[in-house]
Amino acid sequence: MAVKNRIKHLIDALGETRYKFWKKTGLAQNTAYRLYDDPDYIPGRDVMDKLCQTYGWQPGDFLMFTADEN
């Protein structure tokens, strides 16, 4: 998949843990941890809204497109 999430990079840059990310966003624990651990996991609309509201991010801040090498 060419679209990836950059949540781990952004959260690590803030000096937060995935636990703090989970608590701060109020997302389900599985969702928060999967976003942090799995860059191939792309959040749905409600989760994106929560990330934007919590951190003041735009979707382009935490989603990245890379062209396939083929």
N, C-alpha and C. Protein backbone atom coordinates (compact mmCIF):
# COMPACT_ATOMS: atom_id res chain seq x y z
N MET A 1 0.84 -1.19 0.00
CA MET A 1 0.00 0.00 0.00
C MET A 1 0.88 1.24 0.00
N ALA A 2 0.52 2.22 -0.76
CA ALA A 2 1.34 3.40 -0.93
C ALA A 2 1.06 4.49 0.11
N VAL A 3 -0.09 4.43 0.78
CA VAL A 3 -0.39 5.42 1.81
C VAL A 3 -0.03 4.81 3.17
N LYS A 4 0.69 5.57 3.97
CA LYS A 4 1.12 5.11 5.29
C LYS A 4 0.80 6.19 6.32
N ASN A 5 0.66 5.77 7.58
CA ASN A 5 0.49 6.77 8.63
C ASN A 5 1.84 7.02 9.30
N ARG A 6 2.00 8.23 9.80
CA ARG A 6 3.24 8.67 10.43
C ARG A 6 3.05 8.92 11.94
N ILE A 7 2.07 8.27 12.52
CA ILE A 7 1.72 8.53 13.91
C ILE A 7 2.90 8.28 14.85
N LYS A 8 3.57 7.13 14.71
CA LYS A 8 4.69 6.82 15.60
C LYS A 8 5.75 7.91 15.54
N HIS A 9 6.10 8.32 14.34
CA HIS A 9 7.11 9.38 14.16
C HIS A 9 6.69 10.67 14.87
N LEU A 10 5.44 11.07 14.69
CA LEU A 10 4.95 12.32 15.28
C LEU A 10 4.86 12.24 16.80
N ILE A 11 4.36 11.12 17.30
CA ILE A 11 4.21 10.95 18.75
C ILE A 11 5.59 10.88 19.41
N ASP A 12 6.51 10.14 18.80
CA ASP A 12 7.87 10.06 19.33
C ASP A 12 8.54 11.44 19.34
N ALA A 13 8.30 12.23 18.30
CA ALA A 13 8.88 13.58 18.22
C ALA A 13 8.35 14.49 19.33
N LEU A 14 7.13 14.22 19.78
CA LEU A 14 6.54 14.99 20.88
C LEU A 14 7.03 14.50 22.24
N GLY A 15 7.74 13.39 22.25
CA GLY A 15 8.22 12.82 23.50
C GLY A 15 7.14 12.09 24.28
N GLU A 16 6.08 11.69 23.60
CA GLU A 16 4.99 10.97 24.25
C GLU A 16 5.13 9.48 24.00
N THR A 17 4.52 8.70 24.87
CA THR A 17 4.45 7.26 24.70
C THR A 17 3.15 6.90 23.98
N ARG A 18 3.05 5.66 23.53
CA ARG A 18 1.79 5.27 22.90
C ARG A 18 0.67 5.23 23.94
N TYR A 19 1.02 4.96 25.19
CA TYR A 19 0.04 5.00 26.28
C TYR A 19 -0.53 6.42 26.43
N LYS A 20 0.34 7.40 26.46
CA LYS A 20 -0.12 8.79 26.59
C LYS A 20 -0.94 9.20 25.36
N PHE A 21 -0.52 8.75 24.17
CA PHE A 21 -1.27 9.00 22.93
C PHE A 21 -2.69 8.44 23.06
N TRP A 22 -2.80 7.21 23.55
CA TRP A 22 -4.11 6.59 23.75
C TRP A 22 -4.96 7.40 24.71
N LYS A 23 -4.42 7.73 25.85
CA LYS A 23 -5.18 8.46 26.87
C LYS A 23 -5.56 9.86 26.39
N LYS A 24 -4.64 10.54 25.74
CA LYS A 24 -4.87 11.92 25.30
C LYS A 24 -5.96 11.99 24.22
N THR A 25 -5.97 11.02 23.31
CA THR A 25 -6.94 11.05 22.21
C THR A 25 -8.30 10.52 22.61
N GLY A 26 -8.34 9.61 23.60
CA GLY A 26 -9.60 9.01 23.99
C GLY A 26 -10.07 7.94 23.00
N LEU A 27 -9.19 7.52 22.10
CA LEU A 27 -9.52 6.45 21.16
C LEU A 27 -9.57 5.12 21.91
N ALA A 28 -10.17 4.12 21.27
CA ALA A 28 -10.10 2.77 21.82
C ALA A 28 -8.63 2.37 21.89
N GLN A 29 -8.26 1.63 22.91
CA GLN A 29 -6.86 1.26 23.09
C GLN A 29 -6.31 0.52 21.88
N ASN A 30 -7.06 -0.44 21.36
CA ASN A 30 -6.59 -1.19 20.19
C ASN A 30 -6.35 -0.27 18.99
N THR A 31 -7.22 0.69 18.79
CA THR A 31 -7.07 1.62 17.67
C THR A 31 -5.83 2.49 17.86
N ALA A 32 -5.67 3.05 19.03
CA ALA A 32 -4.52 3.92 19.30
C ALA A 32 -3.21 3.17 19.15
N TYR A 33 -3.14 1.97 19.72
CA TYR A 33 -1.90 1.20 19.65
C TYR A 33 -1.63 0.72 18.23
N ARG A 34 -2.66 0.37 17.50
CA ARG A 34 -2.46 -0.06 16.11
C ARG A 34 -1.97 1.11 15.26
N LEU A 35 -2.54 2.29 15.45
CA LEU A 35 -2.06 3.47 14.72
C LEU A 35 -0.58 3.72 15.00
N TYR A 36 -0.20 3.55 16.24
CA TYR A 36 1.19 3.79 16.63
C TYR A 36 2.12 2.71 16.08
N ASP A 37 1.69 1.46 16.15
CA ASP A 37 2.55 0.33 15.80
C ASP A 37 2.55 -0.06 14.33
N ASP A 38 1.48 0.24 13.60
CA ASP A 38 1.32 -0.26 12.24
C ASP A 38 1.18 0.89 11.23
N PRO A 39 2.24 1.26 10.54
CA PRO A 39 2.16 2.37 9.59
C PRO A 39 1.24 2.10 8.40
N ASP A 40 0.88 0.84 8.16
CA ASP A 40 -0.05 0.52 7.08
C ASP A 40 -1.51 0.71 7.47
N TYR A 41 -1.77 0.93 8.77
CA TYR A 41 -3.14 1.13 9.23
C TYR A 41 -3.56 2.57 8.97
N ILE A 42 -4.59 2.73 8.16
CA ILE A 42 -5.10 4.06 7.81
C ILE A 42 -6.40 4.28 8.59
N PRO A 43 -6.45 5.34 9.38
CA PRO A 43 -7.63 5.56 10.22
C PRO A 43 -8.84 6.00 9.41
N GLY A 44 -10.00 5.70 9.97
CA GLY A 44 -11.26 6.15 9.38
C GLY A 44 -11.52 7.63 9.72
N ARG A 45 -12.60 8.12 9.21
CA ARG A 45 -12.93 9.54 9.33
C ARG A 45 -13.04 10.01 10.79
N ASP A 46 -13.75 9.24 11.62
CA ASP A 46 -13.94 9.65 13.02
C ASP A 46 -12.61 9.71 13.76
N VAL A 47 -11.73 8.75 13.49
CA VAL A 47 -10.42 8.74 14.14
C VAL A 47 -9.59 9.92 13.64
N MET A 48 -9.63 10.19 12.34
CA MET A 48 -8.89 11.34 11.81
C MET A 48 -9.39 12.64 12.44
N ASP A 49 -10.70 12.76 12.60
CA ASP A 49 -11.26 13.95 13.25
C ASP A 49 -10.69 14.10 14.67
N LYS A 50 -10.63 12.98 15.40
CA LYS A 50 -10.13 13.00 16.78
C LYS A 50 -8.65 13.41 16.81
N LEU A 51 -7.85 12.89 15.88
CA LEU A 51 -6.42 13.24 15.82
C LEU A 51 -6.25 14.73 15.51
N CYS A 52 -7.03 15.24 14.57
CA CYS A 52 -6.94 16.66 14.21
C CYS A 52 -7.36 17.55 15.37
N GLN A 53 -8.42 17.18 16.07
CA GLN A 53 -8.88 17.96 17.21
C GLN A 53 -7.90 17.92 18.37
N THR A 54 -7.34 16.76 18.64
CA THR A 54 -6.46 16.59 19.79
C THR A 54 -5.11 17.26 19.59
N TYR A 55 -4.53 17.09 18.43
CA TYR A 55 -3.16 17.57 18.19
C TYR A 55 -3.08 18.80 17.29
N GLY A 56 -4.19 19.21 16.69
CA GLY A 56 -4.15 20.35 15.79
C GLY A 56 -3.48 20.02 14.46
N TRP A 57 -3.45 18.73 14.13
CA TRP A 57 -2.86 18.29 12.88
C TRP A 57 -3.86 18.39 11.74
N GLN A 58 -3.35 18.43 10.53
CA GLN A 58 -4.12 18.24 9.32
C GLN A 58 -3.86 16.80 8.86
N PRO A 59 -4.77 16.17 8.11
CA PRO A 59 -4.53 14.80 7.68
C PRO A 59 -3.19 14.60 6.97
N GLY A 60 -2.75 15.59 6.23
CA GLY A 60 -1.46 15.49 5.55
C GLY A 60 -0.27 15.46 6.50
N ASP A 61 -0.50 15.81 7.75
CA ASP A 61 0.57 15.75 8.75
C ASP A 61 0.84 14.31 9.19
N PHE A 62 -0.21 13.49 9.21
CA PHE A 62 -0.03 12.12 9.71
C PHE A 62 -0.25 11.03 8.67
N LEU A 63 -0.61 11.41 7.44
CA LEU A 63 -0.70 10.46 6.33
C LEU A 63 0.31 10.85 5.27
N MET A 64 0.96 9.85 4.69
CA MET A 64 2.00 10.10 3.70
C MET A 64 1.79 9.15 2.51
N PHE A 65 1.92 9.68 1.32
CA PHE A 65 1.83 8.86 0.11
C PHE A 65 3.21 8.68 -0.47
N THR A 66 3.57 7.44 -0.77
CA THR A 66 4.81 7.16 -1.46
C THR A 66 4.47 6.32 -2.69
N ALA A 67 5.03 6.68 -3.80
CA ALA A 67 4.76 5.98 -5.06
C ALA A 67 5.36 4.58 -5.00
N ASP A 68 4.64 3.64 -5.58
CA ASP A 68 5.15 2.28 -5.68
C ASP A 68 6.39 2.27 -6.56
N GLU A 69 7.31 1.38 -6.27
CA GLU A 69 8.54 1.32 -7.04
C GLU A 69 8.36 0.67 -8.39
N ASN A 70 7.26 -0.03 -8.60
CA ASN A 70 7.04 -0.73 -9.89
C ASN A 70 6.63 0.22 -10.96
